[in-house]
Amino acid sequence: MRIMFFTHYYPPEVNAPASRTAEHARVWARSGHDVVVVTCAPNHPEGRLYPGHRNALYQSETVDGVRVVRVWTCIAANEGVMLRTINYLSYAASASLAMFWLGRPDVVVTTSPQFFCGLIGLVAQTFKRTPWVLEIRDLWPESIVAVGAIRKGVVVRCLEWLERIAYRRADRIVSVTESFVSHISSRCGTPEKISVIKNGADLTRFTPSEGASDVKRRLGLQNCFVAAYVGTHGMAHGLETVLDAAEILRDRPQIAFLLVGDGAARRHLQKIRDEKQLSNVVMLGQQPKEAMPGVWEAIDASLIVLRRDDLFRTVLPSKMFEAMAMRRPIILGVEGEACTLLEEAGAGVAITPESPEELAAAVMRLSQDRELAKRLGAAGYAHVRRHFDRAELAAKYIDVLNDAIATARSGARRRRVALERIADR
């Protein structure tokens, strides 16, 4: 099968969409499929090109058996609305044009958000008659309204109109959570075309090692219980809660908080930390993917938090699976499906979102009961190994792609027969 996958983010970027797509693509390529990923020059989240990369009209390389095509975009940092929108639109335009000289695939997959990347499938379906699978990792425009990035109005209504068109036109839709299904099905008209393929962990890469990590020593945390948030520092995450919890525990020298990553809120968080003189908070910038197992080795408990909003009850943070793969207990400040998963796995402690008091209490509890922390980590590892091995999820995805191809061919036959009947009249 020849698969053409459109994604705004791809390694060496290390955010969740880049990891999900790359891990699926590697498995597909190893299974003998011809995989082409169309993306842009790596620059997320700061809007600066990664070393060794150019923002050229067209570049192509093969990585892990996957052909990676990078197209030009108007690069912008992951903050603000106007420049990011221009960035998104420029990628959608460049990627759509690239499609015409990349040949005709058997199936096109587009992933959203960003929103306009998802809509590239409309171009493939319309002009190349290619089966289209739309992957939904977050509900747009609902999520950008929820975090206050944009207000409801004419723009949001236009985006909602495009959202409905995309849902109806896609041959298959892949949701990353069960909770998205009711929203999507109410807009797509044919709920049976929706499949759920959740995030998972690449168990060949995220595996605990026997050797001790030197990250704690490098950061001066070798004698501390380290509670860490790993991932994007965005508007949706409410990481001020972590700093407030750190303030509550500032007189506990055996406990430290670690924030690893980058994003639109990072400078704001640094300012709060410095103003409050929180010496128990260490902020480590975005790390390359190959360094992450070592970072996870330095962590004693994984903090996974979001703001308290009904929309976020539908999300399933991808970092949950990496934490479980690394046998790290989770302190989860997310309601809904994520909390249900945590309870099923027995992998951690659930707290009320945006409650620094509960977060501080959970960190204290795990720091004082290391055996409990170890049991929670082991239970999480067993659960992710049983249900969320990325290789098995990638194989399930191939079944969806085959269904999309079969559906498109069946529809084409029906249209052809209908035209023949009309011509015979």
Protein backbone atom coordinates (compact mmCIF):
# COMPACT_ATOMS: atom_id res chain seq x y z
CA MET A 1 0.00 0.00 0.00
CA ARG A 2 1.23 3.52 -0.80
CA ILE A 3 0.36 5.82 2.09
CA MET A 4 0.72 9.61 1.91
CA PHE A 5 0.50 11.23 5.33
CA PHE A 6 0.19 15.02 5.82
CA THR A 7 1.28 16.38 9.20
CA HIS A 8 2.46 19.81 10.29
CA TYR A 9 4.80 18.26 12.87
CA TYR A 10 7.38 15.50 12.51
CA PRO A 11 10.70 14.51 14.14
CA PRO A 12 13.15 15.86 15.07
CA GLU A 13 10.26 17.82 16.63
CA VAL A 14 9.24 16.03 19.81
CA ASN A 15 5.61 16.97 20.43
CA ALA A 16 2.79 14.43 20.58
CA PRO A 17 1.64 14.62 16.92
CA ALA A 18 5.22 14.26 15.65
CA SER A 19 5.81 11.20 17.81
CA ARG A 20 2.47 9.54 16.98
CA THR A 21 2.90 9.94 13.23
CA ALA A 22 6.56 8.90 13.15
CA GLU A 23 6.00 5.81 15.27
CA HIS A 24 3.09 4.66 13.08
CA ALA A 25 5.02 5.43 9.88
CA ARG A 26 8.07 3.44 11.00
CA VAL A 27 5.95 0.38 11.73
CA TRP A 28 4.16 0.67 8.37
CA ALA A 29 7.45 0.98 6.49
CA ARG A 30 8.90 -2.04 8.31
CA SER A 31 5.79 -3.99 7.28
CA GLY A 32 6.51 -3.31 3.61
CA HIS A 33 4.25 -0.34 2.92
CA ASP A 34 5.45 2.63 0.86
CA VAL A 35 5.09 5.59 3.24
CA VAL A 36 5.49 9.27 2.29
CA VAL A 37 5.15 11.91 5.01
CA VAL A 38 4.65 15.50 3.86
CA THR A 39 5.61 17.99 6.56
CA CYS A 40 7.54 21.24 7.01
CA ALA A 41 11.02 22.18 8.22
CA PRO A 42 11.27 21.44 11.96
CA ASN A 43 10.85 24.62 14.01
CA HIS A 44 8.30 23.91 16.76
CA PRO A 45 7.73 25.48 19.24
CA GLU A 46 10.01 28.53 19.04
CA GLY A 47 9.65 29.21 15.32
CA ARG A 48 13.40 28.71 14.78
CA LEU A 49 14.79 26.15 12.35
CA TYR A 50 16.49 23.18 13.94
CA PRO A 51 20.23 22.94 13.17
CA GLY A 52 20.98 21.34 9.83
CA HIS A 53 17.58 22.15 8.30
CA ARG A 54 16.46 24.70 5.69
CA ASN A 55 13.07 26.21 4.98
CA ALA A 56 13.18 25.37 1.27
CA LEU A 57 10.41 24.93 -1.28
CA TYR A 58 10.92 21.17 -1.42
CA GLN A 59 13.26 18.74 0.33
CA SER A 60 13.19 14.96 0.50
CA GLU A 61 15.02 12.39 2.61
CA THR A 62 14.45 8.84 3.81
CA VAL A 63 14.37 8.27 7.58
CA ASP A 64 13.69 4.83 9.12
CA GLY A 65 12.37 3.62 5.78
CA VAL A 66 9.93 6.53 5.51
CA ARG A 67 10.23 9.11 2.73
CA VAL A 68 10.00 12.51 4.46
CA VAL A 69 9.13 15.44 2.18
CA ARG A 70 9.48 18.91 3.70
CA VAL A 71 7.80 21.92 2.09
CA TRP A 72 8.14 25.66 2.61
CA THR A 73 6.10 27.45 5.26
CA CYS A 74 5.94 30.92 6.72
CA ILE A 75 7.59 29.97 10.01
CA ALA A 76 6.18 31.34 13.26
CA ALA A 77 6.55 30.58 16.96
CA ASN A 78 3.87 28.58 18.73
CA GLU A 79 2.26 31.66 20.26
CA GLY A 80 -0.16 34.35 19.14
CA VAL A 81 -2.96 33.88 16.63
CA MET A 82 -2.25 35.81 13.44
CA LEU A 83 1.27 34.57 12.64
CA ARG A 84 0.39 31.00 13.58
CA THR A 85 -2.64 31.12 11.30
CA ILE A 86 -0.43 32.30 8.43
CA ASN A 87 2.00 29.49 9.28
CA TYR A 88 -0.82 26.93 9.17
CA LEU A 89 -2.25 28.23 5.90
CA SER A 90 1.16 28.39 4.21
CA TYR A 91 1.80 24.74 5.08
CA ALA A 92 -1.62 23.70 3.77
CA ALA A 93 -0.97 25.54 0.48
CA SER A 94 2.58 24.21 0.02
CA ALA A 95 1.64 20.65 0.95
CA SER A 96 -1.36 20.68 -1.39
CA LEU A 97 0.85 21.78 -4.26
CA ALA A 98 3.47 19.15 -3.42
CA MET A 99 0.80 16.48 -3.69
CA PHE A 100 0.57 17.02 -7.43
CA TRP A 101 4.19 16.03 -8.15
CA LEU A 102 4.38 13.20 -5.62
CA GLY A 103 2.26 10.79 -7.61
CA ARG A 104 -1.02 9.18 -6.69
CA PRO A 105 -1.07 7.20 -3.43
CA ASP A 106 -3.51 4.46 -2.53
CA VAL A 107 -4.71 6.50 0.45
CA VAL A 108 -4.13 9.93 1.97
CA VAL A 109 -4.13 10.55 5.72
CA THR A 110 -4.34 14.05 7.17
CA THR A 111 -4.12 14.84 10.87
CA SER A 112 -5.80 17.67 12.77
CA PRO A 113 -4.95 19.88 14.50
CA GLN A 114 -3.64 21.98 13.04
CA PHE A 115 -7.04 22.44 11.42
CA PHE A 116 -5.95 23.36 7.90
CA CYS A 117 -3.65 20.36 7.67
CA GLY A 118 -6.71 18.18 8.16
CA LEU A 119 -8.44 19.87 5.24
CA ILE A 120 -5.67 18.92 2.76
CA GLY A 121 -7.55 15.66 2.36
CA LEU A 122 -10.33 17.55 0.60
CA VAL A 123 -7.82 18.58 -2.08
CA ALA A 124 -6.59 14.98 -2.51
CA GLN A 125 -10.10 13.62 -2.68
CA THR A 126 -11.34 16.27 -5.12
CA PHE A 127 -8.45 16.52 -7.56
CA LYS A 128 -6.73 13.14 -7.28
CA ARG A 129 -9.73 10.93 -6.48
CA THR A 130 -7.75 9.50 -3.58
CA PRO A 131 -9.36 7.80 -0.56
CA TRP A 132 -9.05 10.07 2.46
CA VAL A 133 -8.66 9.23 6.15
CA LEU A 134 -9.01 12.17 8.54
CA GLU A 135 -7.32 11.79 11.92
CA ILE A 136 -8.68 13.88 14.79
CA ARG A 137 -6.30 14.38 17.71
CA ASP A 138 -8.13 17.38 19.16
CA LEU A 139 -11.49 19.03 18.56
CA TRP A 140 -11.05 22.22 16.58
CA PRO A 141 -12.33 24.91 16.74
CA GLU A 142 -13.74 23.95 20.16
CA SER A 143 -10.32 23.60 21.80
CA ILE A 144 -9.03 27.01 20.71
CA VAL A 145 -12.22 28.61 22.03
CA ALA A 146 -11.83 26.72 25.32
CA VAL A 147 -8.33 28.12 25.97
CA GLY A 148 -9.37 31.65 25.02
CA ALA A 149 -7.21 31.86 21.90
CA ILE A 150 -10.19 33.01 19.87
CA ARG A 151 -13.72 34.15 20.68
CA LYS A 152 -16.90 32.75 19.27
CA GLY A 153 -18.10 34.70 16.25
CA VAL A 154 -18.01 34.70 12.47
CA VAL A 155 -14.55 33.11 12.26
CA VAL A 156 -15.50 30.23 14.57
CA ARG A 157 -18.76 29.65 12.67
CA CYS A 158 -16.79 29.42 9.40
CA LEU A 159 -14.38 26.93 10.99
CA GLU A 160 -17.31 24.87 12.28
CA TRP A 161 -18.79 24.82 8.76
CA LEU A 162 -15.48 23.56 7.35
CA GLU A 163 -15.27 21.02 10.18
CA ARG A 164 -18.66 19.55 9.23
CA ILE A 165 -17.68 19.37 5.55
CA ALA A 166 -14.45 17.54 6.42
CA TYR A 167 -16.25 15.03 8.64
CA ARG A 168 -18.83 14.30 5.96
CA ARG A 169 -16.41 14.05 3.06
CA ALA A 170 -13.73 11.86 4.66
CA ASP A 171 -13.93 8.18 3.74
CA ARG A 172 -12.85 7.21 7.24
CA ILE A 173 -12.24 9.17 10.46
CA VAL A 174 -9.74 8.13 13.13
CA SER A 175 -10.30 9.56 16.60
CA VAL A 176 -7.64 9.31 19.30
CA THR A 177 -10.24 9.06 22.09
CA GLU A 178 -13.63 7.45 22.66
CA SER A 179 -14.92 10.77 23.97
CA PHE A 180 -14.55 12.51 20.60
CA VAL A 181 -16.84 10.02 18.86
CA SER A 182 -20.20 11.54 19.86
CA HIS A 183 -19.08 15.01 18.74
CA ILE A 184 -17.76 13.74 15.41
CA SER A 185 -20.71 11.44 14.71
CA SER A 186 -23.20 14.27 15.28
CA ARG A 187 -21.51 16.16 12.45
CA CYS A 188 -20.40 13.47 10.00
CA GLY A 189 -23.76 11.82 9.35
CA THR A 190 -22.29 8.29 9.20
CA PRO A 191 -20.92 7.31 12.64
CA GLU A 192 -19.97 3.84 11.42
CA LYS A 193 -17.03 5.31 9.52
CA ILE A 194 -15.37 6.43 12.78
CA SER A 195 -12.61 4.29 14.32
CA VAL A 196 -10.80 4.92 17.59
CA ILE A 197 -7.04 4.38 17.62
CA LYS A 198 -5.66 5.81 20.83
CA ASN A 199 -2.15 6.94 21.49
CA GLY A 200 0.37 4.48 22.84
CA ALA A 201 4.05 3.98 23.50
CA ASP A 202 6.86 2.70 21.34
CA LEU A 203 8.00 -0.01 23.72
CA THR A 204 11.24 -0.49 21.78
CA ARG A 205 12.31 3.07 22.63
CA PHE A 206 10.62 3.91 25.91
CA THR A 207 11.94 1.13 28.09
CA PRO A 208 13.38 1.42 31.59
CA SER A 209 17.13 0.89 31.69
CA GLU A 210 19.08 -0.78 34.44
CA GLY A 211 21.61 2.01 34.71
CA ALA A 212 20.94 5.12 36.79
CA SER A 213 20.37 8.33 34.89
CA ASP A 214 22.88 11.16 35.28
CA VAL A 215 20.17 13.78 34.69
CA LYS A 216 19.41 14.12 38.40
CA ARG A 217 23.09 14.64 39.14
CA ARG A 218 23.46 17.18 36.35
CA LEU A 219 20.49 19.15 37.66
CA GLY A 220 21.55 18.87 41.30
CA LEU A 221 18.50 16.78 42.19
CA GLN A 222 20.20 13.49 43.09
CA ASN A 223 18.84 13.53 46.64
CA CYS A 224 15.31 14.63 45.72
CA PHE A 225 11.99 13.03 44.90
CA VAL A 226 11.36 14.59 41.47
CA ALA A 227 7.79 15.32 40.37
CA ALA A 228 7.93 16.34 36.71
CA TYR A 229 5.73 17.70 33.97
CA VAL A 230 7.03 16.69 30.53
CA GLY A 231 5.57 18.22 27.38
CA THR A 232 4.25 21.38 25.79
CA HIS A 233 3.91 24.38 28.09
CA GLY A 234 0.68 25.64 26.54
CA MET A 235 -2.36 27.70 27.39
CA ALA A 236 -4.47 24.58 27.95
CA HIS A 237 -2.24 23.00 30.59
CA GLY A 238 -2.64 25.36 33.52
CA LEU A 239 0.91 24.78 34.70
CA GLU A 240 0.55 27.58 37.22
CA THR A 241 -1.00 24.84 39.36
CA VAL A 242 2.36 23.05 39.47
CA LEU A 243 4.12 26.23 40.59
CA ASP A 244 1.48 26.82 43.26
CA ALA A 245 1.99 23.26 44.53
CA ALA A 246 5.75 23.86 44.57
CA GLU A 247 5.16 26.96 46.68
CA ILE A 248 3.17 24.89 49.18
CA LEU A 249 6.06 22.41 49.43
CA ARG A 250 8.91 24.90 49.25
CA ASP A 251 10.07 23.99 52.76
CA ARG A 252 10.44 20.30 51.83
CA PRO A 253 14.02 20.11 50.51
CA GLN A 254 13.63 16.41 49.66
CA ILE A 255 11.00 17.27 46.98
CA ALA A 256 11.70 19.05 43.70
CA PHE A 257 9.55 19.94 40.71
CA LEU A 258 10.85 19.64 37.16
CA LEU A 259 9.24 21.18 34.06
CA VAL A 260 10.61 19.78 30.79
CA GLY A 261 9.64 21.28 27.44
CA ASP A 262 8.73 24.52 25.76
CA GLY A 263 5.68 26.38 24.55
CA ALA A 264 3.70 29.61 24.57
CA ALA A 265 3.42 29.73 28.38
CA ARG A 266 7.04 28.95 29.26
CA ARG A 267 8.30 32.51 29.67
CA HIS A 268 5.24 33.37 31.77
CA LEU A 269 5.92 30.38 34.02
CA GLN A 270 9.59 31.31 34.36
CA LYS A 271 8.56 34.80 35.46
CA ILE A 272 6.22 33.41 38.13
CA ARG A 273 8.89 31.00 39.37
CA ASP A 274 11.48 33.76 39.63
CA GLU A 275 9.09 36.24 41.28
CA LYS A 276 8.15 33.65 43.92
CA GLN A 277 11.78 32.55 44.27
CA LEU A 278 10.86 28.89 43.92
CA SER A 279 14.26 27.26 44.25
CA ASN A 280 12.54 23.85 44.24
CA VAL A 281 11.43 24.29 40.61
CA VAL A 282 13.82 23.43 37.78
CA MET A 283 12.84 24.29 34.21
CA LEU A 284 14.58 22.26 31.53
CA GLY A 285 14.00 23.23 27.90
CA GLN A 286 12.83 20.99 25.11
CA GLN A 287 14.95 17.86 24.84
CA PRO A 288 15.71 15.74 21.75
CA LYS A 289 13.74 12.51 21.48
CA GLU A 290 16.80 10.35 22.06
CA ALA A 291 17.42 12.08 25.39
CA MET A 292 13.93 11.46 26.75
CA PRO A 293 14.41 7.95 28.20
CA GLY A 294 17.23 9.40 30.30
CA VAL A 295 15.01 12.29 31.42
CA TRP A 296 12.27 9.83 32.38
CA GLU A 297 14.82 7.88 34.45
CA ALA A 298 15.33 11.03 36.54
CA ILE A 299 11.62 11.36 37.28
CA ASP A 300 9.96 9.81 40.32
CA ALA A 301 6.38 10.87 39.52
CA SER A 302 4.84 12.18 36.28
CA LEU A 303 2.56 15.23 36.54
CA ILE A 304 -0.13 15.36 33.86
CA VAL A 305 -2.42 18.37 34.17
CA LEU A 306 -4.90 20.41 32.16
CA ARG A 307 -7.16 23.32 32.93
CA ARG A 308 -10.57 22.44 34.32
CA ASP A 309 -12.87 22.67 31.32
CA ASP A 310 -15.58 20.30 30.08
CA LEU A 311 -13.86 20.01 26.70
CA PHE A 312 -10.72 18.56 28.32
CA ARG A 313 -12.76 15.69 29.76
CA THR A 314 -12.58 14.27 26.22
CA VAL A 315 -8.79 14.24 25.86
CA LEU A 316 -6.29 11.49 26.51
CA PRO A 317 -2.81 13.03 26.97
CA SER A 318 -0.19 11.07 25.05
CA LYS A 319 2.37 11.56 27.84
CA MET A 320 0.33 9.16 29.98
CA PHE A 321 1.50 6.28 27.82
CA GLU A 322 5.17 7.26 27.92
CA ALA A 323 5.03 7.61 31.70
CA MET A 324 3.46 4.15 32.01
CA ALA A 325 6.00 2.65 29.59
CA MET A 326 8.75 4.00 31.83
CA ARG A 327 7.07 2.60 34.99
CA ARG A 328 6.52 6.08 36.45
CA PRO A 329 3.48 6.68 38.70
CA ILE A 330 1.17 9.39 37.41
CA ILE A 331 -0.44 12.27 39.27
CA LEU A 332 -3.30 13.17 36.97
CA GLY A 333 -5.18 16.47 37.02
CA VAL A 334 -7.46 15.66 34.09
CA GLU A 335 -11.09 14.56 34.34
CA GLY A 336 -13.07 12.30 32.02
CA GLU A 337 -11.59 9.61 29.78
CA ALA A 338 -8.01 10.13 30.99
CA CYS A 339 -9.09 9.59 34.59
CA THR A 340 -10.98 6.44 33.58
CA LEU A 341 -7.85 5.07 31.90
CA LEU A 342 -5.75 5.84 34.98
CA GLU A 343 -8.20 3.97 37.19
CA GLU A 344 -8.36 0.98 34.82
CA ALA A 345 -4.57 0.78 34.75
CA GLY A 346 -4.11 1.43 38.47
CA ALA A 347 -1.24 3.63 37.37
CA GLY A 348 -1.45 6.63 39.64
CA VAL A 349 -3.34 9.17 41.71
CA ALA A 350 -6.17 11.33 40.34
CA ILE A 351 -6.63 14.89 41.63
CA THR A 352 -9.04 17.72 40.89
CA PRO A 353 -7.74 19.82 37.97
CA GLU A 354 -6.26 23.18 38.97
CA SER A 355 -6.00 22.18 42.64
CA PRO A 356 -2.48 22.93 43.90
CA GLU A 357 -3.40 21.64 47.37
CA GLU A 358 -4.36 18.20 46.03
CA LEU A 359 -1.33 18.15 43.75
CA ALA A 360 1.01 18.96 46.65
CA ALA A 361 -0.66 16.30 48.82
CA ALA A 362 -0.30 13.65 46.10
CA VAL A 363 3.39 14.45 45.62
CA MET A 364 3.94 14.25 49.39
CA ARG A 365 2.14 10.92 49.56
CA LEU A 366 4.24 9.30 46.82
CA SER A 367 7.48 10.78 48.13
CA GLN A 368 6.80 9.24 51.55
CA ASP A 369 5.57 5.87 50.23
CA ARG A 370 8.08 4.72 47.64
CA GLU A 371 6.62 1.21 47.60
CA LEU A 372 3.24 2.62 46.56
CA ALA A 373 4.93 4.65 43.81
CA LYS A 374 6.71 1.52 42.61
CA ARG A 375 3.46 -0.52 42.54
CA LEU A 376 1.62 2.17 40.58
CA GLY A 377 4.46 2.39 38.07
CA ALA A 378 4.53 -1.38 37.59
CA ALA A 379 0.75 -1.52 37.10
CA GLY A 380 0.92 1.22 34.48
CA TYR A 381 3.67 -0.59 32.60
CA ALA A 382 1.69 -3.84 32.52
CA HIS A 383 -1.37 -1.99 31.22
CA VAL A 384 0.39 -0.11 28.44
CA ARG A 385 2.18 -3.26 27.35
CA ARG A 386 -1.12 -5.14 27.21
CA HIS A 387 -3.26 -2.50 25.49
CA PHE A 388 -1.19 0.36 24.05
CA ASP A 389 1.84 -1.05 22.24
CA ARG A 390 2.33 1.35 19.33
CA ALA A 391 3.22 -1.47 16.92
CA GLU A 392 -0.12 -3.17 17.50
CA LEU A 393 -2.00 0.12 17.19
CA ALA A 394 -0.22 0.83 13.88
CA ALA A 395 -1.39 -2.56 12.55
CA LYS A 396 -4.96 -1.69 13.56
CA TYR A 397 -4.55 1.62 11.67
CA ILE A 398 -3.65 -0.30 8.49
CA ASP A 399 -7.01 -2.07 8.71
CA VAL A 400 -8.73 1.33 8.73
CA LEU A 401 -6.73 2.46 5.69
CA ASN A 402 -7.72 -0.71 3.81
CA ASP A 403 -11.36 -0.06 4.69
CA ALA A 404 -11.07 3.50 3.37
CA ILE A 405 -9.68 2.23 0.06
CA ALA A 406 -12.45 -0.36 -0.22
CA THR A 407 -15.12 2.23 0.60
CA ALA A 408 -13.81 4.67 -1.99
CA ARG A 409 -13.66 1.98 -4.68
CA SER A 410 -17.20 0.85 -3.85
CA GLY A 411 -18.44 4.43 -4.09
CA ALA A 412 -16.68 4.90 -7.42
CA ARG A 413 -18.34 1.75 -8.79
CA ARG A 414 -21.77 2.94 -7.66
CA ARG A 415 -21.24 6.30 -9.32
CA ARG A 416 -20.07 4.63 -12.53
CA VAL A 417 -23.12 2.35 -12.62
CA ALA A 418 -25.43 5.28 -11.97
CA LEU A 419 -23.87 7.25 -14.84
CA GLU A 420 -24.18 4.26 -17.16
CA ARG A 421 -27.87 3.94 -16.31
CA ILE A 422 -28.42 7.61 -17.02
CA ALA A 423 -26.60 7.29 -20.35
CA ASP A 424 -28.80 4.31 -21.34
CA ARG A 425 -32.03 6.21 -20.84
